[in-house]
Amino acid sequence: MTKDGNDSERVWDLAEKIGFCMLVTKSGDDIRARPMSAYVERLENSFYFLTDVDSHKDDEIARQPDVCLAFADSKGQKYVSVTGKAEVSSDRERIRDLWATPAKAWWDNAEDPSIRVLKVTPSYAEFWDSPGTIVSYIKMAAAAMSSAKPDMGDNAKVRM
């Protein structure tokens, strides 16, 4: 548990700050990961993504809705792994709500019929939040010269 004891809020804060994640799905016996821009909606206990009907995520999720979202800020040494259930819809109102600049790289406008909303409802998460690369290296070097284990920051498993 973290020092402040509010681990689920820490998950939401880190995911929102990092913003991009690898969405991991299962396709038959294979596991696939691809980068996605996440829309964090903590009041709804959900992560949303805009996706394209031709990307095959719909089919993968229909067959196996269990997914993982892996957020990583390697420079800041902050990581979040979220496990949950995914569902896909063509909710036009939600698509318009989520429409932002990154989406314009893939579609002309929010009315494009190929846009889908991917919603992930988390069941649990784990995060690692260290003080940063330089501080971590210093702590590891100091620990190597002593018998103490380094304090590498906060890590917690969280029921969502």
C-alpha atoms as a PDB file:
ATOM      1  CA  MET A   1       0.000   0.000   0.000  1.00  0.00           C
ATOM      2  CA  THR A   2       1.154   3.543  -0.647  1.00  0.00           C
ATOM      3  CA  LYS A   3       1.923   6.063   2.027  1.00  0.00           C
ATOM      4  CA  ASP A   4      -1.306   8.020   1.427  1.00  0.00           C
ATOM      5  CA  GLY A   5      -3.481   4.888   1.388  1.00  0.00           C
ATOM      6  CA  ASN A   6      -5.603   6.006  -1.590  1.00  0.00           C
ATOM      7  CA  ASP A   7      -4.307   3.493  -4.110  1.00  0.00           C
ATOM      8  CA  SER A   8      -7.247   3.523  -6.528  1.00  0.00           C
ATOM      9  CA  GLU A   9      -6.992   7.310  -6.901  1.00  0.00           C
ATOM     10  CA  ARG A  10      -3.275   6.895  -7.566  1.00  0.00           C
ATOM     11  CA  VAL A  11      -4.079   4.452 -10.399  1.00  0.00           C
ATOM     12  CA  TRP A  12      -6.464   6.956 -11.991  1.00  0.00           C
ATOM     13  CA  ASP A  13      -4.027   9.865 -11.534  1.00  0.00           C
ATOM     14  CA  LEU A  14      -1.091   7.999 -13.074  1.00  0.00           C
ATOM     15  CA  ALA A  15      -3.144   6.653 -15.998  1.00  0.00           C
ATOM     16  CA  GLU A  16      -4.532  10.118 -16.714  1.00  0.00           C
ATOM     17  CA  LYS A  17      -1.095  11.734 -16.531  1.00  0.00           C
ATOM     18  CA  ILE A  18       0.551   9.134 -18.782  1.00  0.00           C
ATOM     19  CA  GLY A  19      -2.360   9.212 -21.260  1.00  0.00           C
ATOM     20  CA  PHE A  20      -1.202   6.540 -23.696  1.00  0.00           C
ATOM     21  CA  CYS A  21      -1.144   2.814 -23.070  1.00  0.00           C
ATOM     22  CA  MET A  22      -0.683  -0.505 -24.771  1.00  0.00           C
ATOM     23  CA  LEU A  23      -4.039  -2.237 -25.157  1.00  0.00           C
ATOM     24  CA  VAL A  24      -3.483  -5.976 -24.857  1.00  0.00           C
ATOM     25  CA  THR A  25      -6.073  -8.350 -26.313  1.00  0.00           C
ATOM     26  CA  LYS A  26      -6.181 -12.037 -27.075  1.00  0.00           C
ATOM     27  CA  SER A  27      -6.544 -13.304 -30.641  1.00  0.00           C
ATOM     28  CA  GLY A  28      -6.891 -17.080 -30.605  1.00  0.00           C
ATOM     29  CA  ASP A  29      -3.776 -18.346 -28.851  1.00  0.00           C
ATOM     30  CA  ASP A  30      -1.894 -15.121 -29.565  1.00  0.00           C
ATOM     31  CA  ILE A  31      -1.661 -12.012 -27.409  1.00  0.00           C
ATOM     32  CA  ARG A  32      -1.595  -8.651 -29.209  1.00  0.00           C
ATOM     33  CA  ALA A  33      -0.650  -5.216 -27.930  1.00  0.00           C
ATOM     34  CA  ARG A  34      -1.046  -1.886 -29.650  1.00  0.00           C
ATOM     35  CA  PRO A  35      -0.666   1.748 -28.534  1.00  0.00           C
ATOM     36  CA  MET A  36      -3.871   3.641 -27.780  1.00  0.00           C
ATOM     37  CA  SER A  37      -4.780   7.088 -26.490  1.00  0.00           C
ATOM     38  CA  ALA A  38      -6.830   6.640 -23.317  1.00  0.00           C
ATOM     39  CA  TYR A  39      -9.696   8.801 -22.096  1.00  0.00           C
ATOM     40  CA  VAL A  40      -9.870   8.352 -18.326  1.00  0.00           C
ATOM     41  CA  GLU A  41     -13.343   8.584 -16.768  1.00  0.00           C
ATOM     42  CA  ARG A  42     -12.839   7.767 -13.104  1.00  0.00           C
ATOM     43  CA  LEU A  43     -16.386   8.770 -12.089  1.00  0.00           C
ATOM     44  CA  GLU A  44     -17.672   6.124 -14.509  1.00  0.00           C
ATOM     45  CA  ASN A  45     -14.945   3.651 -13.457  1.00  0.00           C
ATOM     46  CA  SER A  46     -14.001   3.355 -17.131  1.00  0.00           C
ATOM     47  CA  PHE A  47     -11.312   3.922 -19.706  1.00  0.00           C
ATOM     48  CA  TYR A  48     -12.463   4.855 -23.212  1.00  0.00           C
ATOM     49  CA  PHE A  49     -10.741   4.667 -26.583  1.00  0.00           C
ATOM     50  CA  LEU A  50     -11.704   5.514 -30.131  1.00  0.00           C
ATOM     51  CA  THR A  51     -10.984   2.711 -32.553  1.00  0.00           C
ATOM     52  CA  ASP A  52     -11.759   1.748 -36.127  1.00  0.00           C
ATOM     53  CA  VAL A  53     -14.088  -1.051 -37.154  1.00  0.00           C
ATOM     54  CA  ASP A  54     -11.379  -2.366 -39.533  1.00  0.00           C
ATOM     55  CA  SER A  55      -8.789  -2.767 -36.765  1.00  0.00           C
ATOM     56  CA  HIS A  56     -10.094  -6.222 -35.710  1.00  0.00           C
ATOM     57  CA  LYS A  57     -10.231  -5.242 -32.033  1.00  0.00           C
ATOM     58  CA  ASP A  58     -14.022  -5.660 -32.217  1.00  0.00           C
ATOM     59  CA  ASP A  59     -13.693  -9.318 -33.190  1.00  0.00           C
ATOM     60  CA  GLU A  60     -10.993 -10.048 -30.616  1.00  0.00           C
ATOM     61  CA  ILE A  61     -12.982  -8.412 -27.810  1.00  0.00           C
ATOM     62  CA  ALA A  62     -16.227 -10.115 -28.831  1.00  0.00           C
ATOM     63  CA  ARG A  63     -14.478 -13.485 -28.478  1.00  0.00           C
ATOM     64  CA  GLN A  64     -12.415 -12.601 -25.403  1.00  0.00           C
ATOM     65  CA  PRO A  65     -13.394  -9.398 -23.514  1.00  0.00           C
ATOM     66  CA  ASP A  66     -10.607  -9.694 -20.895  1.00  0.00           C
ATOM     67  CA  VAL A  67      -7.962  -7.074 -21.676  1.00  0.00           C
ATOM     68  CA  CYS A  68      -4.963  -5.380 -20.118  1.00  0.00           C
ATOM     69  CA  LEU A  69      -4.001  -1.711 -20.367  1.00  0.00           C
ATOM     70  CA  ALA A  70      -0.286  -1.101 -19.800  1.00  0.00           C
ATOM     71  CA  PHE A  71       0.612   2.546 -19.149  1.00  0.00           C
ATOM     72  CA  ALA A  72       4.316   3.475 -19.023  1.00  0.00           C
ATOM     73  CA  ASP A  73       6.242   6.657 -18.352  1.00  0.00           C
ATOM     74  CA  SER A  74       9.763   5.223 -18.526  1.00  0.00           C
ATOM     75  CA  LYS A  75      11.495   8.583 -17.992  1.00  0.00           C
ATOM     76  CA  GLY A  76       9.493   9.228 -14.841  1.00  0.00           C
ATOM     77  CA  GLN A  77       9.645   5.560 -13.795  1.00  0.00           C
ATOM     78  CA  LYS A  78       5.850   5.370 -13.425  1.00  0.00           C
ATOM     79  CA  TYR A  79       3.862   2.363 -14.616  1.00  0.00           C
ATOM     80  CA  VAL A  80       0.255   1.170 -14.364  1.00  0.00           C
ATOM     81  CA  SER A  81      -1.216  -2.155 -15.422  1.00  0.00           C
ATOM     82  CA  VAL A  82      -5.026  -2.354 -15.534  1.00  0.00           C
ATOM     83  CA  THR A  83      -6.958  -5.580 -16.059  1.00  0.00           C
ATOM     84  CA  GLY A  84     -10.604  -5.388 -17.024  1.00  0.00           C
ATOM     85  CA  LYS A  85     -13.465  -6.226 -19.348  1.00  0.00           C
ATOM     86  CA  ALA A  86     -13.819  -4.501 -22.706  1.00  0.00           C
ATOM     87  CA  GLU A  87     -16.836  -3.808 -24.849  1.00  0.00           C
ATOM     88  CA  VAL A  88     -17.209  -2.079 -28.199  1.00  0.00           C
ATOM     89  CA  SER A  89     -20.067   0.125 -29.354  1.00  0.00           C
ATOM     90  CA  SER A  90     -20.889   2.634 -32.057  1.00  0.00           C
ATOM     91  CA  ASP A  91     -22.401   5.148 -29.604  1.00  0.00           C
ATOM     92  CA  ARG A  92     -22.303   8.358 -31.696  1.00  0.00           C
ATOM     93  CA  GLU A  93     -22.895  10.629 -28.698  1.00  0.00           C
ATOM     94  CA  ARG A  94     -19.919   9.123 -26.825  1.00  0.00           C
ATOM     95  CA  ILE A  95     -17.768   9.360 -29.968  1.00  0.00           C
ATOM     96  CA  ARG A  96     -18.565  13.069 -30.216  1.00  0.00           C
ATOM     97  CA  ASP A  97     -17.768  13.493 -26.489  1.00  0.00           C
ATOM     98  CA  LEU A  98     -14.371  11.819 -26.949  1.00  0.00           C
ATOM     99  CA  TRP A  99     -13.507  13.518 -30.229  1.00  0.00           C
ATOM    100  CA  ALA A 100     -10.216  15.397 -29.835  1.00  0.00           C
ATOM    101  CA  THR A 101      -7.124  16.339 -31.828  1.00  0.00           C
ATOM    102  CA  PRO A 102      -5.487  12.867 -31.760  1.00  0.00           C
ATOM    103  CA  ALA A 103      -8.562  11.379 -33.456  1.00  0.00           C
ATOM    104  CA  LYS A 104      -8.164  13.766 -36.392  1.00  0.00           C
ATOM    105  CA  ALA A 105      -5.040  11.858 -37.398  1.00  0.00           C
ATOM    106  CA  TRP A 106      -7.229   8.813 -38.162  1.00  0.00           C
ATOM    107  CA  TRP A 107     -10.641  10.165 -39.182  1.00  0.00           C
ATOM    108  CA  ASP A 108     -11.979  13.321 -40.846  1.00  0.00           C
ATOM    109  CA  ASN A 109     -14.731  13.934 -38.301  1.00  0.00           C
ATOM    110  CA  ALA A 110     -16.653  12.368 -35.429  1.00  0.00           C
ATOM    111  CA  GLU A 111     -19.447  11.277 -37.773  1.00  0.00           C
ATOM    112  CA  ASP A 112     -17.238   8.772 -39.632  1.00  0.00           C
ATOM    113  CA  PRO A 113     -19.255   5.501 -39.531  1.00  0.00           C
ATOM    114  CA  SER A 114     -16.112   3.385 -39.034  1.00  0.00           C
ATOM    115  CA  ILE A 115     -15.354   4.890 -35.600  1.00  0.00           C
ATOM    116  CA  ARG A 116     -16.123   2.712 -32.612  1.00  0.00           C
ATOM    117  CA  VAL A 117     -15.919   3.319 -28.858  1.00  0.00           C
ATOM    118  CA  LEU A 118     -13.955   0.827 -26.835  1.00  0.00           C
ATOM    119  CA  LYS A 119     -14.837   0.887 -23.137  1.00  0.00           C
ATOM    120  CA  VAL A 120     -12.746  -0.904 -20.527  1.00  0.00           C
ATOM    121  CA  THR A 121     -14.169  -1.415 -17.049  1.00  0.00           C
ATOM    122  CA  PRO A 122     -11.277  -2.229 -14.711  1.00  0.00           C
ATOM    123  CA  SER A 123     -11.423  -5.032 -12.180  1.00  0.00           C
ATOM    124  CA  TYR A 124      -7.981  -4.552 -10.694  1.00  0.00           C
ATOM    125  CA  ALA A 125      -4.750  -2.680 -11.279  1.00  0.00           C
ATOM    126  CA  GLU A 126      -1.166  -2.471 -10.129  1.00  0.00           C
ATOM    127  CA  PHE A 127       1.099   0.526 -10.199  1.00  0.00           C
ATOM    128  CA  TRP A 128       4.758   1.318  -9.679  1.00  0.00           C
ATOM    129  CA  ASP A 129       5.618   4.918  -8.909  1.00  0.00           C
ATOM    130  CA  SER A 130       9.293   5.601  -8.278  1.00  0.00           C
ATOM    131  CA  PRO A 131      11.055   8.908  -7.715  1.00  0.00           C
ATOM    132  CA  GLY A 132      12.534   8.936 -11.243  1.00  0.00           C
ATOM    133  CA  THR A 133      15.473   7.475 -13.135  1.00  0.00           C
ATOM    134  CA  ILE A 134      18.359   9.444 -11.627  1.00  0.00           C
ATOM    135  CA  VAL A 135      17.138   9.134  -8.044  1.00  0.00           C
ATOM    136  CA  SER A 136      16.464   5.413  -8.583  1.00  0.00           C
ATOM    137  CA  TYR A 137      20.007   4.829  -9.861  1.00  0.00           C
ATOM    138  CA  ILE A 138      21.450   6.671  -6.871  1.00  0.00           C
ATOM    139  CA  LYS A 139      19.312   4.602  -4.473  1.00  0.00           C
ATOM    140  CA  MET A 140      20.349   1.360  -6.186  1.00  0.00           C
ATOM    141  CA  ALA A 141      24.029   2.326  -6.058  1.00  0.00           C
ATOM    142  CA  ALA A 142      23.766   3.213  -2.350  1.00  0.00           C
ATOM    143  CA  ALA A 143      21.994  -0.072  -1.634  1.00  0.00           C
ATOM    144  CA  ALA A 144      24.644  -2.035  -3.538  1.00  0.00           C
ATOM    145  CA  MET A 145      27.278  -0.573  -1.213  1.00  0.00           C
ATOM    146  CA  SER A 146      25.305  -1.515   1.900  1.00  0.00           C
ATOM    147  CA  SER A 147      23.165  -4.418   2.970  1.00  0.00           C
ATOM    148  CA  ALA A 148      19.933  -2.404   2.734  1.00  0.00           C
ATOM    149  CA  LYS A 149      17.357  -2.771  -0.008  1.00  0.00           C
ATOM    150  CA  PRO A 150      16.593   0.469  -1.869  1.00  0.00           C
ATOM    151  CA  ASP A 151      13.255   2.247  -1.462  1.00  0.00           C
ATOM    152  CA  MET A 152      12.207   2.375  -5.107  1.00  0.00           C
ATOM    153  CA  GLY A 153       8.915   4.173  -4.527  1.00  0.00           C
ATOM    154  CA  ASP A 154       5.347   2.984  -4.199  1.00  0.00           C
ATOM    155  CA  ASN A 155       3.869  -0.241  -5.555  1.00  0.00           C
ATOM    156  CA  ALA A 156       0.362  -1.507  -4.886  1.00  0.00           C
ATOM    157  CA  LYS A 157      -2.221  -3.926  -6.202  1.00  0.00           C
ATOM    158  CA  VAL A 158      -5.670  -2.346  -6.260  1.00  0.00           C
ATOM    159  CA  ARG A 159      -9.217  -3.697  -6.566  1.00  0.00           C
ATOM    160  CA  MET A 160     -11.103  -1.361  -8.850  1.00  0.00           C
END
